[in-house]
Amino acid sequence: MKKFHIKKGDTVYVNAGNDKGKTGKVLEVLRDKDRVIVEGINMVSKHTKPNAKAPQGGIIKQEAGIHISNVQLLDPSSTASKPVPTRVGYKEVDGKKVRYAKKSGEEIK
């Protein structure tokens, strides 16, 4: 199984593509396709038939996958006004393996 530095619930920075510079929360990690689905990023229009969820049917907007190499984890110490992307490292704390931000050294929850 592939090992990714990004998990569901992480806040990430998009560093390539049409949404470059935007940030969002990871909704899902698609390991088999090397992609992540990020809230509000890579929105596509999907044509749907009428169903219980959408009685009218029509065109709905939803997030599509973005390649994992095009996103980078945000440093937990960064502010909302100035997001700071960082690389991820692993270290052992109290016998547990934890992720930490390489830029600040802060542990990622």
Protein backbone atom coordinates (compact mmCIF):
# COMPACT_ATOMS: atom_id res chain seq x y z
CA MET A 1 0.00 0.00 0.00
CA LYS A 2 1.23 3.48 -0.85
CA LYS A 3 2.24 5.85 1.94
CA PHE A 4 1.10 9.46 1.73
CA HIS A 5 2.01 12.39 3.96
CA ILE A 6 -1.50 13.82 3.64
CA LYS A 7 -4.52 12.45 5.50
CA LYS A 8 -8.24 13.13 5.53
CA GLY A 9 -8.97 16.30 7.50
CA ASP A 10 -5.60 17.99 6.80
CA THR A 11 -5.52 21.56 5.51
CA VAL A 12 -3.51 21.72 2.30
CA TYR A 13 -2.12 24.35 -0.10
CA VAL A 14 -2.54 23.83 -3.86
CA ASN A 15 0.82 24.52 -5.55
CA ALA A 16 -0.10 23.72 -9.18
CA GLY A 17 -3.04 23.84 -11.57
CA ASN A 18 -6.00 26.17 -12.05
CA ASP A 19 -6.53 26.57 -8.29
CA LYS A 20 -2.88 27.36 -7.51
CA GLY A 21 -2.50 29.38 -4.30
CA LYS A 22 -5.80 28.25 -2.74
CA THR A 23 -6.15 26.27 0.45
CA GLY A 24 -8.73 23.74 1.56
CA LYS A 25 -9.51 20.78 3.77
CA VAL A 26 -8.93 17.23 2.48
CA LEU A 27 -12.26 15.41 2.22
CA GLU A 28 -10.95 12.12 0.88
CA VAL A 29 -7.68 10.42 -0.11
CA LEU A 30 -7.88 8.16 -3.19
CA ARG A 31 -4.83 5.94 -2.68
CA ASP A 32 -5.27 3.80 -5.80
CA LYS A 33 -5.33 6.90 -8.07
CA ASP A 34 -2.73 9.02 -6.14
CA ARG A 35 -5.34 11.77 -5.74
CA VAL A 36 -7.03 13.77 -3.03
CA ILE A 37 -10.39 15.52 -3.00
CA VAL A 38 -10.07 18.99 -1.46
CA GLU A 39 -13.02 21.11 -0.32
CA GLY A 40 -13.76 23.85 -2.87
CA ILE A 41 -10.85 22.93 -5.18
CA ASN A 42 -11.11 21.59 -8.77
CA MET A 43 -14.87 22.10 -9.03
CA VAL A 44 -16.53 20.35 -11.98
CA SER A 45 -20.09 20.42 -13.34
CA LYS A 46 -21.90 17.08 -13.23
CA HIS A 47 -25.16 16.41 -15.06
CA THR A 48 -27.57 14.40 -12.92
CA LYS A 49 -30.91 12.73 -13.47
CA PRO A 50 -33.71 13.48 -11.01
CA ASN A 51 -33.36 11.44 -7.80
CA ALA A 52 -34.28 11.67 -4.12
CA LYS A 53 -31.33 13.98 -3.36
CA ALA A 54 -31.96 16.29 -6.33
CA PRO A 55 -35.65 16.00 -7.35
CA GLN A 56 -35.17 18.45 -10.25
CA GLY A 57 -31.98 16.85 -11.54
CA GLY A 58 -29.83 19.19 -13.63
CA ILE A 59 -26.25 20.37 -13.30
CA ILE A 60 -24.53 20.25 -9.91
CA LYS A 61 -21.05 21.46 -8.93
CA GLN A 62 -18.79 19.07 -7.06
CA GLU A 63 -15.13 18.59 -6.23
CA ALA A 64 -12.98 16.38 -8.45
CA GLY A 65 -9.69 14.75 -7.50
CA ILE A 66 -6.38 16.59 -7.67
CA HIS A 67 -3.06 14.77 -7.89
CA ILE A 68 -1.33 14.41 -4.53
CA SER A 69 1.88 15.93 -5.91
CA ASN A 70 0.02 19.21 -6.53
CA VAL A 71 -0.87 19.76 -2.87
CA GLN A 72 1.29 20.45 0.16
CA LEU A 73 0.41 20.33 3.85
CA LEU A 74 0.03 23.68 5.61
CA ASP A 75 2.22 24.40 8.62
CA PRO A 76 0.02 24.32 11.75
CA SER A 77 1.78 27.45 13.06
CA SER A 78 0.88 29.48 9.92
CA THR A 79 -1.90 32.08 10.03
CA ALA A 80 -4.98 32.23 7.81
CA SER A 81 -3.77 35.45 6.19
CA LYS A 82 -0.40 33.95 5.19
CA PRO A 83 -0.51 30.17 4.70
CA VAL A 84 2.91 28.49 4.86
CA PRO A 85 3.23 25.15 3.02
CA THR A 86 5.66 22.70 4.57
CA ARG A 87 7.13 19.26 4.09
CA VAL A 88 6.26 16.47 6.53
CA GLY A 89 8.63 14.51 8.71
CA TYR A 90 8.11 11.67 11.16
CA LYS A 91 9.55 11.27 14.65
CA GLU A 92 8.87 9.15 17.70
CA VAL A 93 7.31 10.81 20.75
CA ASP A 94 6.54 8.68 23.83
CA GLY A 95 6.80 5.50 21.74
CA LYS A 96 4.34 6.79 19.10
CA LYS A 97 5.16 7.80 15.54
CA VAL A 98 3.94 11.37 14.91
CA ARG A 99 4.03 13.74 11.94
CA TYR A 100 5.72 17.11 12.27
CA ALA A 101 6.17 20.18 10.05
CA LYS A 102 9.73 20.47 8.74
CA LYS A 103 9.56 24.30 8.61
CA SER A 104 8.52 24.98 12.21
CA GLY A 105 9.18 21.62 13.87
CA GLU A 106 5.64 21.71 15.26
CA GLU A 107 3.72 18.46 15.67
CA ILE A 108 0.78 17.93 13.28
CA LYS A 109 -2.37 16.76 15.01
